[in-house]
N, C-alpha and C. Protein backbone atom coordinates (compact mmCIF):
# COMPACT_ATOMS: atom_id res chain seq x y z
N UNK A 1 0.89 -1.20 0.40
CA UNK A 1 0.27 0.19 0.22
C UNK A 1 0.85 1.14 -0.29
N UNK A 2 0.26 2.45 -0.74
CA UNK A 2 1.18 3.63 -0.27
C UNK A 2 0.59 4.09 0.35
N UNK A 3 2.39 4.68 0.90
CA UNK A 3 2.38 5.66 2.49
C UNK A 3 1.35 7.22 1.60
N UNK A 4 0.93 8.02 2.65
CA UNK A 4 -0.02 8.76 1.92
C UNK A 4 1.17 10.10 2.06
N UNK A 5 0.76 10.59 1.14
CA UNK A 5 1.13 12.28 -0.05
C UNK A 5 1.66 13.06 1.42
N UNK A 6 3.10 12.96 1.71
CA UNK A 6 3.47 14.51 2.59
C UNK A 6 2.57 15.75 2.93
N UNK A 7 2.06 15.87 1.70
CA UNK A 7 0.98 17.05 1.39
C UNK A 7 0.02 16.78 2.76
N UNK A 8 -0.68 15.53 2.33
CA UNK A 8 -2.07 15.10 3.18
C UNK A 8 -1.30 14.84 4.52
N UNK A 9 -0.37 14.60 4.93
CA UNK A 9 -0.24 14.18 6.37
C UNK A 9 -0.30 15.68 6.76
N UNK A 10 0.68 16.53 6.52
CA UNK A 10 0.67 17.93 6.86
C UNK A 10 -0.72 18.69 6.79
N UNK A 11 -1.32 18.48 6.47
CA UNK A 11 -3.15 19.11 6.71
C UNK A 11 -2.99 18.32 7.48
N UNK A 12 -3.56 17.21 8.14
CA UNK A 12 -3.61 16.11 9.31
C UNK A 12 -2.80 16.64 10.63
N UNK A 13 -2.21 16.75 10.03
CA UNK A 13 -1.27 16.75 11.55
C UNK A 13 -2.15 17.42 11.89
N UNK A 14 -1.94 18.19 13.74
CA UNK A 14 -2.18 18.97 14.49
C UNK A 14 -1.27 20.19 15.37
N UNK A 15 -1.46 21.22 15.19
CA UNK A 15 -1.00 21.60 16.01
C UNK A 15 -1.03 21.85 17.55
N UNK A 16 0.29 22.58 18.04
CA UNK A 16 0.46 21.91 18.63
C UNK A 16 1.03 23.21 19.72
N UNK A 17 0.23 22.96 20.71
CA UNK A 17 -0.34 24.27 20.97
C UNK A 17 0.48 24.57 22.67
N UNK A 18 0.43 25.62 23.17
CA UNK A 18 1.81 25.73 24.90
C UNK A 18 0.06 25.97 25.47
N UNK A 19 0.22 25.65 27.24
CA UNK A 19 -1.19 25.78 27.83
C UNK A 19 -0.91 27.13 28.55
N UNK A 20 -1.22 27.67 29.01
CA UNK A 20 -1.45 29.29 29.64
C UNK A 20 -0.62 29.52 30.60
N UNK A 21 -0.03 30.58 31.70
CA UNK A 21 0.08 30.58 32.69
C UNK A 21 -0.92 30.97 33.47
N UNK A 22 -0.77 31.08 34.30
CA UNK A 22 -2.72 31.15 35.10
C UNK A 22 -3.46 32.76 34.92
N UNK A 23 -2.34 33.72 34.56
CA UNK A 23 -3.35 34.45 34.23
C UNK A 23 -3.13 34.46 33.05
N UNK A 24 -2.83 33.90 32.26
CA UNK A 24 -3.90 34.05 30.68
C UNK A 24 -2.58 34.26 29.81
N UNK A 25 -1.61 34.31 29.84
CA UNK A 25 -0.48 34.21 28.43
C UNK A 25 0.13 32.71 28.66
N UNK A 26 0.73 32.94 27.24
CA UNK A 26 1.24 31.43 26.72
C UNK A 26 2.33 30.62 26.95
N UNK A 27 2.91 30.18 27.57
CA UNK A 27 4.10 29.77 27.58
C UNK A 27 4.40 29.17 26.09
N UNK A 28 5.62 29.60 25.76
CA UNK A 28 6.35 28.82 24.39
C UNK A 28 6.26 27.37 24.52
N UNK A 29 5.45 26.99 23.28
CA UNK A 29 5.38 25.40 23.25
C UNK A 29 6.86 25.08 23.25
N UNK A 30 8.11 25.14 23.07
CA UNK A 30 9.01 24.77 23.54
C UNK A 30 9.25 24.33 24.83
N UNK A 31 8.78 25.11 25.64
CA UNK A 31 9.14 25.33 27.11
C UNK A 31 7.77 23.97 27.63
N UNK A 32 7.08 23.97 27.20
CA UNK A 32 6.36 23.19 27.85
C UNK A 32 5.09 22.08 27.57
N UNK A 33 4.33 21.41 28.65
CA UNK A 33 3.89 20.30 27.96
C UNK A 33 2.56 20.05 29.05
N UNK A 34 0.99 19.66 28.23
CA UNK A 34 0.63 19.76 29.46
C UNK A 34 -0.93 20.36 29.35
N UNK A 35 -1.57 21.19 31.05
CA UNK A 35 -2.38 22.43 30.43
C UNK A 35 -2.19 22.94 31.93
N UNK A 36 -2.58 23.64 32.46
CA UNK A 36 -2.52 24.44 33.08
C UNK A 36 -2.47 23.79 34.41
N UNK A 37 -2.89 22.49 34.66
CA UNK A 37 -3.46 21.58 35.92
C UNK A 37 -2.68 20.30 36.02
N UNK A 38 -1.41 20.68 34.64
CA UNK A 38 -0.78 18.85 35.22
C UNK A 38 0.44 19.89 34.34
N UNK A 39 0.58 20.78 34.10
CA UNK A 39 1.42 21.04 33.06
C UNK A 39 3.21 21.05 33.55
N UNK A 40 4.35 21.04 33.19
CA UNK A 40 5.36 21.00 33.35
C UNK A 40 6.12 22.36 33.75
N UNK A 41 5.02 23.53 33.81
CA UNK A 41 5.31 25.20 33.96
C UNK A 41 4.52 25.79 34.89
N UNK A 42 5.29 26.19 35.76
CA UNK A 42 4.05 27.15 36.41
C UNK A 42 4.81 28.24 38.11
N UNK A 43 4.15 28.64 37.92
CA UNK A 43 5.04 30.48 38.91
C UNK A 43 5.74 29.57 39.60
N UNK A 44 6.45 30.40 40.36
CA UNK A 44 7.65 29.60 41.37
C UNK A 44 7.61 31.13 42.80
N UNK A 45 7.68 31.09 43.72
CA UNK A 45 7.77 32.02 44.85
C UNK A 45 9.31 32.88 44.90
N UNK A 46 8.78 34.19 45.10
CA UNK A 46 10.22 35.06 43.87
C UNK A 46 11.26 34.49 45.10
N UNK A 47 10.82 34.28 46.13
CA UNK A 47 12.03 34.00 46.98
C UNK A 47 12.60 32.80 46.67
N UNK A 48 12.49 32.29 45.91
CA UNK A 48 13.40 30.72 45.08
C UNK A 48 14.30 31.21 44.30
N UNK A 49 14.46 32.71 43.51
CA UNK A 49 15.14 33.28 42.83
C UNK A 49 15.90 34.37 43.34
N UNK A 50 17.61 33.84 43.29
CA UNK A 50 18.42 35.28 43.36
C UNK A 50 19.15 35.77 41.98
N UNK A 51 19.26 36.97 41.89
CA UNK A 51 19.35 37.30 41.11
C UNK A 51 21.34 37.91 41.81
N UNK A 52 22.54 37.23 41.05
CA UNK A 52 23.97 37.71 41.03
C UNK A 52 24.76 38.22 40.14
N UNK A 53 25.74 38.43 39.99
CA UNK A 53 26.28 38.75 38.77
C UNK A 53 26.27 37.96 37.51
N UNK A 54 26.19 37.02 38.02
CA UNK A 54 26.14 35.53 36.82
C UNK A 54 25.17 35.55 36.44
N UNK A 55 23.58 35.93 36.19
CA UNK A 55 22.33 35.25 36.22
C UNK A 55 21.62 34.54 37.03
N UNK A 56 21.03 33.95 37.54
CA UNK A 56 19.68 33.72 38.13
C UNK A 56 20.27 31.95 38.49
N UNK A 57 20.51 32.10 40.41
CA UNK A 57 20.29 31.46 41.06
C UNK A 57 18.52 30.52 41.61
N UNK A 58 18.53 29.80 41.10
CA UNK A 58 16.95 29.27 41.39
C UNK A 58 16.78 27.86 41.73
N UNK A 59 16.08 28.05 43.48
CA UNK A 59 16.28 27.10 44.63
C UNK A 59 14.81 26.62 45.07
N UNK A 60 15.03 25.45 44.39
CA UNK A 60 12.81 25.25 44.44
C UNK A 60 12.65 24.34 46.06
N UNK A 61 12.09 23.72 46.13
CA UNK A 61 11.47 22.61 46.90
C UNK A 61 10.09 22.14 47.02
N UNK A 62 9.64 21.07 47.74
CA UNK A 62 8.75 20.48 47.30
C UNK A 62 7.59 21.21 47.56
N UNK A 63 6.37 21.94 46.82
CA UNK A 63 5.71 22.50 47.13
C UNK A 63 5.92 24.07 45.96
N UNK A 64 6.95 24.30 45.71
CA UNK A 64 7.23 25.86 45.07
C UNK A 64 6.90 25.60 43.45
N UNK A 65 6.33 23.68 43.29
CA UNK A 65 6.34 23.92 41.60
C UNK A 65 6.11 22.38 41.83
N UNK A 66 4.71 21.79 41.23
CA UNK A 66 3.74 20.49 41.33
C UNK A 66 4.54 19.28 40.83
N UNK A 67 5.73 19.28 40.64
CA UNK A 67 6.81 18.53 39.87
C UNK A 67 7.68 18.24 41.16
N UNK A 68 8.47 19.19 41.59
CA UNK A 68 9.51 19.52 42.22
C UNK A 68 9.30 17.86 43.69
N UNK A 69 9.61 17.19 43.98
CA UNK A 69 9.77 16.61 45.38
C UNK A 69 11.12 16.49 46.45
N UNK A 70 12.03 16.96 45.54
CA UNK A 70 13.12 17.34 46.70
C UNK A 70 14.36 18.42 46.49
N UNK A 71 14.90 18.91 46.87
CA UNK A 71 15.33 20.66 46.46
C UNK A 71 16.08 20.14 46.00
N UNK A 72 16.09 21.34 44.62
CA UNK A 72 16.85 21.40 43.48
C UNK A 72 17.31 22.64 43.26
N UNK A 73 18.89 22.85 43.00
CA UNK A 73 18.97 23.81 42.92
C UNK A 73 20.02 24.32 41.18
N UNK A 74 19.22 25.25 40.38
CA UNK A 74 19.41 24.90 38.95
C UNK A 74 19.95 27.05 39.50
N UNK A 75 21.23 27.14 37.97
CA UNK A 75 21.42 27.94 38.23
C UNK A 75 21.73 28.10 36.32
N UNK A 76 21.19 30.22 36.01
CA UNK A 76 20.89 29.90 34.05
C UNK A 76 22.07 31.67 34.63
N UNK A 77 22.30 31.67 33.05
CA UNK A 77 22.95 33.02 32.86
C UNK A 77 21.70 34.06 32.12
N UNK A 78 22.02 35.13 32.63
CA UNK A 78 20.50 35.47 32.54
C UNK A 78 20.63 35.95 31.22
N UNK A 79 20.77 35.81 29.83
CA UNK A 79 20.49 35.77 28.45
C UNK A 79 19.78 34.38 28.46
N UNK A 80 19.71 33.81 28.77
CA UNK A 80 18.53 32.32 29.21
C UNK A 80 17.43 32.42 29.39
N UNK A 81 17.47 33.13 30.41
CA UNK A 81 15.93 33.28 30.85
C UNK A 81 15.29 33.92 29.28
N UNK A 82 13.85 33.42 29.80
CA UNK A 82 13.00 34.45 28.50
C UNK A 82 11.94 35.89 29.62
N UNK A 83 11.33 36.11 29.45
CA UNK A 83 10.66 37.33 29.26
C UNK A 83 9.29 36.58 29.96
N UNK A 84 9.02 37.10 30.92
CA UNK A 84 7.58 36.91 32.16
C UNK A 84 6.70 37.66 31.30
N UNK A 85 5.19 37.36 31.12
CA UNK A 85 4.40 39.01 30.77
C UNK A 85 3.63 38.89 31.67
N UNK A 86 3.45 38.40 33.40
CA UNK A 86 3.48 38.94 34.11
C UNK A 86 3.79 39.28 35.95
N UNK A 87 5.05 39.75 35.27
CA UNK A 87 5.42 40.32 36.38
C UNK A 87 6.69 39.33 37.82
N UNK A 88 6.19 37.76 37.66
CA UNK A 88 6.24 37.02 38.49
C UNK A 88 7.21 36.05 37.38
N UNK A 89 8.20 35.46 38.37
CA UNK A 89 8.96 33.91 37.68
C UNK A 89 8.24 32.26 37.21
N UNK A 90 8.75 31.94 36.54
CA UNK A 90 7.71 30.77 36.05
C UNK A 90 9.18 29.69 35.69
N UNK A 91 8.58 28.71 36.36
CA UNK A 91 10.24 27.19 35.76
C UNK A 91 8.87 26.32 35.32
N UNK A 92 9.73 26.25 34.16
CA UNK A 92 9.50 25.29 33.20
C UNK A 92 10.33 24.04 33.47
N UNK A 93 9.43 22.78 33.60
CA UNK A 93 10.53 21.82 33.94
C UNK A 93 10.18 20.15 33.41
N UNK A 94 11.21 19.29 32.47
CA UNK A 94 11.41 18.78 31.04
C UNK A 94 12.36 18.24 30.76
N UNK A 95 12.25 16.71 31.02
CA UNK A 95 11.23 15.59 31.11
C UNK A 95 11.22 15.10 32.42
N UNK A 96 11.90 15.62 33.59
CA UNK A 96 11.84 15.73 34.82
C UNK A 96 11.54 16.69 35.69
N UNK A 97 11.78 16.17 36.81
CA UNK A 97 12.16 17.40 37.78
C UNK A 97 13.60 17.93 37.87
N UNK A 98 14.15 17.23 36.77
CA UNK A 98 15.85 17.84 37.48
C UNK A 98 16.54 18.64 36.31
N UNK A 99 15.64 18.52 35.13
CA UNK A 99 15.93 19.08 33.99
C UNK A 99 15.31 20.65 33.92
N UNK A 100 16.31 21.59 34.31
CA UNK A 100 15.28 22.80 33.51
C UNK A 100 15.10 23.12 32.58
N UNK A 101 13.71 23.65 31.90
CA UNK A 101 13.80 23.39 30.22
C UNK A 101 13.39 25.14 30.08
N UNK A 102 12.87 25.95 30.77
CA UNK A 102 12.91 26.85 30.12
C UNK A 102 12.41 27.54 31.94
N UNK A 103 13.52 28.85 32.26
CA UNK A 103 12.59 29.81 33.51
C UNK A 103 12.23 31.15 32.58
N UNK A 104 11.17 31.90 32.98
CA UNK A 104 10.37 33.11 32.92
C UNK A 104 10.91 33.45 34.19
N UNK A 105 11.64 34.81 33.31
CA UNK A 105 11.66 35.99 34.74
C UNK A 105 10.90 37.40 33.87
N UNK A 106 11.12 37.99 35.18
CA UNK A 106 10.14 39.77 34.92
C UNK A 106 11.45 40.22 34.58
N UNK A 107 10.81 41.69 34.26
CA UNK A 107 11.98 42.60 33.25
C UNK A 107 12.75 43.27 35.00
N UNK A 108 13.29 43.57 35.13
CA UNK A 108 14.18 44.42 36.06
C UNK A 108 14.42 46.07 36.32
N UNK A 109 14.01 46.03 37.06
CA UNK A 109 13.64 47.76 37.13
C UNK A 109 14.77 48.31 37.85
N UNK A 110 15.00 49.38 37.47
CA UNK A 110 16.50 49.66 38.10
C UNK A 110 16.22 51.10 38.17
């Protein structure tokens, strides 16, 4: 049997959508899987984030993010952060709690 032509497969393919943050803006599709209730992106407390000359130090423990079961310390250069659209910090963990996939930070005011 012949395979479906490429154009037909493209028409039938469903687009991938990002889920929304609690305040209504969408995370980048690369960053998230699931939805608001079960997805891997979530707001984290501002007390979990420390801005340093080298970027961000993110420390999360159980209760800070739905996927976290133990303490994690992540370091990320400032250029690695994405812009938060609601002035909150957001963390996306995928494929597991040990892997920081995306981090959203609010604009810094000076």
